[in-house]
Amino acid sequence: MLSTAFNIARSGLMAQSLRVETAASNIANASSRGPLPDDASNSETSDGLYQPLTVRLSPVITGATPGGVQATVVPITPAYVSVYEPGSSFANEDGMVAAPNVDLAQNMVTLSEAKAAYKANLAVIETVDEMYDALFELFDDHDDDCNCK
């Protein structure tokens, strides 16, 4: 049972780490720009534009030790929004460029949620460790009380 609790908390730590990495990447690339992909006057496409990502969390309900969470990185759609930046080298004749579809406020909330969840999962691991220590101490006390050799 203790190893199950540890594995569940470990999967939570890994999932929250992935959420932090993904949100940090979104925030770091939020100001990147590119041409609108359907812009006929520009031969480039938005293939080079940053693809915003999110993490989908799903419970693990099958396998040898069910429990925990599985984290999957998925692209955000639509990947870009049109932004008015007439001075950009990527601007079309209307002054529009493609910008990653990144919601900075939502990504900051994700970072805050991930921090809280990470702390909670870490507390579970610390509790499991304390429970193992108490269990081993019981065995040590039993060996000391018993003249079993």
Protein backbone atom coordinates (compact mmCIF):
# COMPACT_ATOMS: atom_id res chain seq x y z
CA MET A 1 0.00 0.00 0.00
CA LEU A 2 2.82 2.40 0.80
CA SER A 3 4.50 1.74 -2.53
CA THR A 4 1.19 2.46 -4.29
CA ALA A 5 0.91 5.80 -2.50
CA PHE A 6 4.50 6.57 -3.45
CA ASN A 7 3.89 5.69 -7.12
CA ILE A 8 0.75 7.80 -7.25
CA ALA A 9 2.58 10.80 -5.76
CA ARG A 10 5.57 10.24 -8.06
CA SER A 11 3.29 10.30 -11.11
CA GLY A 12 1.80 13.54 -9.78
CA LEU A 13 5.26 15.10 -9.41
CA MET A 14 6.16 14.14 -12.96
CA ALA A 15 2.86 15.50 -14.31
CA GLN A 16 3.29 18.83 -12.51
CA SER A 17 6.88 19.13 -13.74
CA LEU A 18 5.61 18.69 -17.29
CA ARG A 19 2.93 21.35 -16.71
CA VAL A 20 5.62 23.78 -15.51
CA GLU A 21 7.88 23.05 -18.50
CA THR A 22 4.99 23.52 -20.94
CA ALA A 23 3.73 26.76 -19.37
CA ALA A 24 7.28 28.16 -19.22
CA SER A 25 7.79 27.35 -22.89
CA ASN A 26 4.50 29.05 -23.80
CA ILE A 27 5.40 32.16 -21.81
CA ALA A 28 8.93 32.32 -23.28
CA ASN A 29 7.60 32.10 -26.84
CA ALA A 30 4.46 34.21 -26.50
CA SER A 31 6.00 37.19 -28.27
CA SER A 32 7.21 35.28 -31.33
CA ARG A 33 5.64 36.30 -34.63
CA GLY A 34 5.29 34.96 -38.15
CA PRO A 35 3.34 35.51 -41.34
CA LEU A 36 -0.29 34.51 -41.49
CA PRO A 37 -0.38 31.11 -43.21
CA ASP A 38 -3.13 32.03 -45.66
CA ASP A 39 -1.38 35.23 -46.73
CA ALA A 40 -0.85 34.95 -50.52
CA SER A 41 1.58 37.90 -50.60
CA ASN A 42 4.03 36.08 -48.34
CA SER A 43 5.54 32.83 -49.57
CA GLU A 44 6.44 31.68 -46.06
CA THR A 45 4.02 29.79 -43.88
CA SER A 46 3.55 29.87 -40.13
CA ASP A 47 5.32 26.51 -39.88
CA GLY A 48 8.16 28.26 -38.05
CA LEU A 49 5.78 29.91 -35.60
CA TYR A 50 5.78 28.53 -32.07
CA GLN A 51 3.10 25.90 -31.43
CA PRO A 52 1.54 26.55 -28.01
CA LEU A 53 1.09 23.47 -25.85
CA THR A 54 -0.96 22.32 -22.91
CA VAL A 55 -0.89 19.23 -20.72
CA ARG A 56 -3.84 16.88 -20.57
CA LEU A 57 -4.05 14.94 -17.31
CA SER A 58 -5.87 11.63 -17.13
CA PRO A 59 -6.18 9.10 -14.32
CA VAL A 60 -4.34 5.80 -14.56
CA ILE A 61 -7.00 3.15 -13.98
CA THR A 62 -5.39 0.08 -15.53
CA GLY A 63 -2.16 -1.85 -15.15
CA ALA A 64 -0.41 -3.68 -12.35
CA THR A 65 -0.65 -0.72 -9.98
CA PRO A 66 -3.58 1.48 -10.95
CA GLY A 67 -3.66 4.97 -9.58
CA GLY A 68 -1.88 8.17 -10.28
CA VAL A 69 -2.02 10.41 -13.28
CA GLN A 70 -0.75 10.32 -16.83
CA ALA A 71 0.30 13.60 -18.42
CA THR A 72 0.17 14.08 -22.18
CA VAL A 73 1.39 17.18 -24.02
CA VAL A 74 -1.10 18.31 -26.66
CA PRO A 75 -1.05 21.28 -29.04
CA ILE A 76 -3.41 24.17 -28.45
CA THR A 77 -5.74 24.84 -31.36
CA PRO A 78 -5.92 27.17 -33.04
CA ALA A 79 -2.16 27.53 -32.86
CA TYR A 80 -2.09 31.22 -33.70
CA VAL A 81 -4.14 34.38 -33.60
CA SER A 82 -4.00 37.37 -35.94
CA VAL A 83 -2.37 40.43 -34.40
CA TYR A 84 -2.07 43.94 -35.82
CA GLU A 85 1.65 44.79 -36.10
CA PRO A 86 2.14 46.84 -39.28
CA GLY A 87 5.85 47.43 -38.56
CA SER A 88 6.68 43.71 -38.47
CA SER A 89 8.60 42.17 -41.33
CA PHE A 90 5.94 39.42 -41.32
CA ALA A 91 3.01 41.84 -41.70
CA ASN A 92 0.69 41.43 -44.66
CA GLU A 93 -0.79 44.41 -46.53
CA ASP A 94 -3.32 44.86 -43.70
CA GLY A 95 -0.56 44.91 -41.06
CA MET A 96 -1.57 41.55 -39.62
CA VAL A 97 0.83 38.86 -38.39
CA ALA A 98 0.42 35.47 -36.76
CA ALA A 99 1.11 35.28 -33.02
CA PRO A 100 1.05 32.12 -30.89
CA ASN A 101 -2.32 31.54 -29.22
CA VAL A 102 -0.84 31.89 -25.72
CA ASP A 103 -2.94 33.15 -22.83
CA LEU A 104 -0.32 34.55 -20.45
CA ALA A 105 -2.75 34.82 -17.53
CA GLN A 106 -3.84 31.20 -17.93
CA ASN A 107 -0.22 30.05 -18.09
CA MET A 108 0.56 31.94 -14.88
CA VAL A 109 -2.42 30.24 -13.22
CA THR A 110 -1.12 26.89 -14.49
CA LEU A 111 2.25 27.60 -12.88
CA SER A 112 0.58 28.44 -9.58
CA GLU A 113 -1.61 25.32 -9.69
CA ALA A 114 1.36 23.14 -10.57
CA LYS A 115 3.37 24.55 -7.67
CA ALA A 116 0.57 23.76 -5.18
CA ALA A 117 0.03 20.26 -6.60
CA TYR A 118 3.77 19.59 -6.61
CA LYS A 119 3.97 20.53 -2.92
CA ALA A 120 1.00 18.26 -2.12
CA ASN A 121 2.56 15.30 -3.93
CA LEU A 122 5.89 15.95 -2.23
CA ALA A 123 4.10 15.93 1.15
CA VAL A 124 2.64 12.52 0.31
CA ILE A 125 6.11 11.18 -0.49
CA GLU A 126 7.47 12.61 2.78
CA THR A 127 4.60 10.97 4.69
CA VAL A 128 5.25 7.62 2.99
CA ASP A 129 8.91 7.94 3.95
CA GLU A 130 7.95 8.63 7.59
CA MET A 131 5.62 5.63 7.56
CA TYR A 132 8.41 3.37 6.25
CA ASP A 133 10.73 4.70 8.97
CA ALA A 134 8.10 3.93 11.63
CA LEU A 135 7.59 0.45 10.21
CA PHE A 136 11.32 -0.30 10.23
CA GLU A 137 11.56 1.03 13.77
CA LEU A 138 8.85 -1.43 14.83
CA PHE A 139 10.87 -4.30 13.38
CA ASP A 140 14.01 -3.06 15.13
CA ASP A 141 12.13 -2.85 18.45
CA HIS A 142 10.71 -6.34 17.91
CA ASP A 143 14.21 -7.76 17.23
CA ASP A 144 15.54 -6.08 20.41
CA ASP A 145 12.69 -7.51 22.55
CA CYS A 146 13.05 -10.98 21.13
CA ASN A 147 15.95 -13.30 21.88
CA CYS A 148 15.59 -14.78 18.41
CA LYS A 149 18.91 -15.79 16.94
